């Protein structure tokens, strides 16, 4: 039975959202459409963050909610935490914006 605390919205997604903390070495089952995948968690992942549910090659599109959210900046094996350290977002990095960019975003 898939772990109900790992959310995959669309069968085309290659990441799942952790709705609980995940521990390195833990093996989880993820429901993806009509199938179930087993993934070993490679590193601790906190609530609300993403894990790869399949191997994602450097440059490949990261898909969540059936939409592109960015591209892998390095190879991301299944079970790995997916975040700003290994993804270039389609939406930019607000934490890297200078004061002028942040002002424009907030207006």
Protein backbone atom coordinates (compact mmCIF):
# COMPACT_ATOMS: atom_id res chain seq x y z
CA UNK A 1 0.00 0.00 0.00
CA UNK A 2 1.42 3.44 -0.92
CA UNK A 3 2.51 5.77 1.85
CA UNK A 4 -0.32 8.30 2.15
CA UNK A 5 2.18 10.93 3.28
CA UNK A 6 3.96 11.02 -0.09
CA UNK A 7 1.94 13.00 -2.60
CA UNK A 8 2.20 12.57 -6.37
CA UNK A 9 -0.53 14.50 -8.18
CA UNK A 10 -0.06 13.51 -11.82
CA UNK A 11 1.28 10.23 -13.23
CA UNK A 12 3.79 12.25 -15.29
CA UNK A 13 5.38 13.74 -12.13
CA UNK A 14 8.95 12.64 -11.38
CA UNK A 15 8.92 14.01 -7.82
CA UNK A 16 6.73 13.43 -4.78
CA UNK A 17 6.05 15.84 -1.94
CA UNK A 18 6.81 14.59 1.56
CA UNK A 19 3.89 15.25 3.90
CA UNK A 20 5.97 13.89 6.78
CA UNK A 21 9.68 13.81 7.58
CA UNK A 22 11.58 11.09 5.74
CA UNK A 23 14.75 9.47 7.08
CA UNK A 24 17.77 8.35 5.07
CA UNK A 25 17.67 4.60 4.48
CA UNK A 26 13.91 4.38 4.84
CA UNK A 27 12.10 2.48 2.07
CA UNK A 28 8.76 3.95 1.00
CA UNK A 29 6.01 3.06 -1.45
CA UNK A 30 4.72 5.84 -3.66
CA UNK A 31 1.44 5.75 -5.58
CA UNK A 32 1.95 7.06 -9.13
CA UNK A 33 -1.26 6.91 -11.14
CA UNK A 34 -2.37 3.26 -11.10
CA UNK A 35 1.06 1.94 -10.15
CA UNK A 36 3.11 1.78 -7.00
CA UNK A 37 6.86 2.48 -6.83
CA UNK A 38 9.27 1.57 -4.08
CA UNK A 39 11.96 4.16 -3.35
CA UNK A 40 14.80 4.11 -0.83
CA UNK A 41 15.27 7.54 0.74
CA UNK A 42 18.87 8.67 0.17
CA UNK A 43 18.97 11.50 2.72
CA UNK A 44 16.77 13.06 5.36
CA UNK A 45 13.93 15.10 3.84
CA UNK A 46 11.82 17.53 5.84
CA UNK A 47 8.05 17.98 5.64
CA UNK A 48 6.90 19.78 2.49
CA UNK A 49 10.00 19.09 0.43
CA UNK A 50 10.32 16.91 -2.68
CA UNK A 51 12.03 13.62 -3.44
CA UNK A 52 12.83 12.15 -6.83
CA UNK A 53 10.67 9.10 -7.50
CA UNK A 54 12.80 8.07 -10.47
CA UNK A 55 16.33 8.82 -11.65
CA UNK A 56 16.46 12.33 -13.14
CA UNK A 57 19.39 13.19 -15.41
CA UNK A 58 21.17 16.53 -15.30
CA UNK A 59 19.28 19.00 -17.52
CA UNK A 60 16.06 16.97 -17.40
CA UNK A 61 12.77 18.67 -16.53
CA UNK A 62 11.48 18.36 -12.96
CA UNK A 63 7.73 17.74 -13.17
CA UNK A 64 5.31 18.37 -10.29
CA UNK A 65 1.51 18.71 -10.63
CA UNK A 66 2.01 17.66 -14.26
CA UNK A 67 3.92 20.90 -14.93
CA UNK A 68 7.59 21.77 -15.35
CA UNK A 69 8.92 23.46 -12.21
CA UNK A 70 12.56 23.57 -13.33
CA UNK A 71 15.52 21.55 -14.55
CA UNK A 72 17.97 19.31 -12.75
CA UNK A 73 21.40 20.92 -12.38
CA UNK A 74 22.99 17.52 -11.68
CA UNK A 75 21.99 13.87 -11.84
CA UNK A 76 19.37 13.20 -9.16
CA UNK A 77 18.95 9.52 -8.26
CA UNK A 78 15.57 8.23 -7.11
CA UNK A 79 15.05 8.84 -3.39
CA UNK A 80 17.13 12.03 -3.35
CA UNK A 81 15.96 15.34 -1.91
CA UNK A 82 15.00 17.71 -4.75
CA UNK A 83 15.47 21.39 -3.89
CA UNK A 84 17.38 24.54 -4.86
CA UNK A 85 20.76 22.79 -4.50
CA UNK A 86 20.05 20.50 -7.47
CA UNK A 87 17.29 22.30 -9.43
CA UNK A 88 17.22 25.51 -11.41
CA UNK A 89 13.66 26.71 -10.89
CA UNK A 90 11.41 28.12 -13.58
CA UNK A 91 10.34 30.66 -10.97
CA UNK A 92 13.69 32.10 -9.89
CA UNK A 93 15.36 32.18 -6.51
CA UNK A 94 13.85 34.85 -4.30
CA UNK A 95 16.52 34.20 -1.69
CA UNK A 96 19.14 35.31 -4.23
CA UNK A 97 17.27 38.38 -5.49
CA UNK A 98 18.80 41.78 -4.84
CA UNK A 99 16.72 44.48 -3.13
CA UNK A 100 15.43 45.92 -6.42
CA UNK A 101 14.29 42.52 -7.71
CA UNK A 102 12.61 41.70 -4.40
CA UNK A 103 10.78 45.03 -4.47
CA UNK A 104 9.39 44.31 -7.96
CA UNK A 105 8.20 40.87 -6.91
CA UNK A 106 6.42 42.23 -3.84
CA UNK A 107 4.57 45.02 -5.70
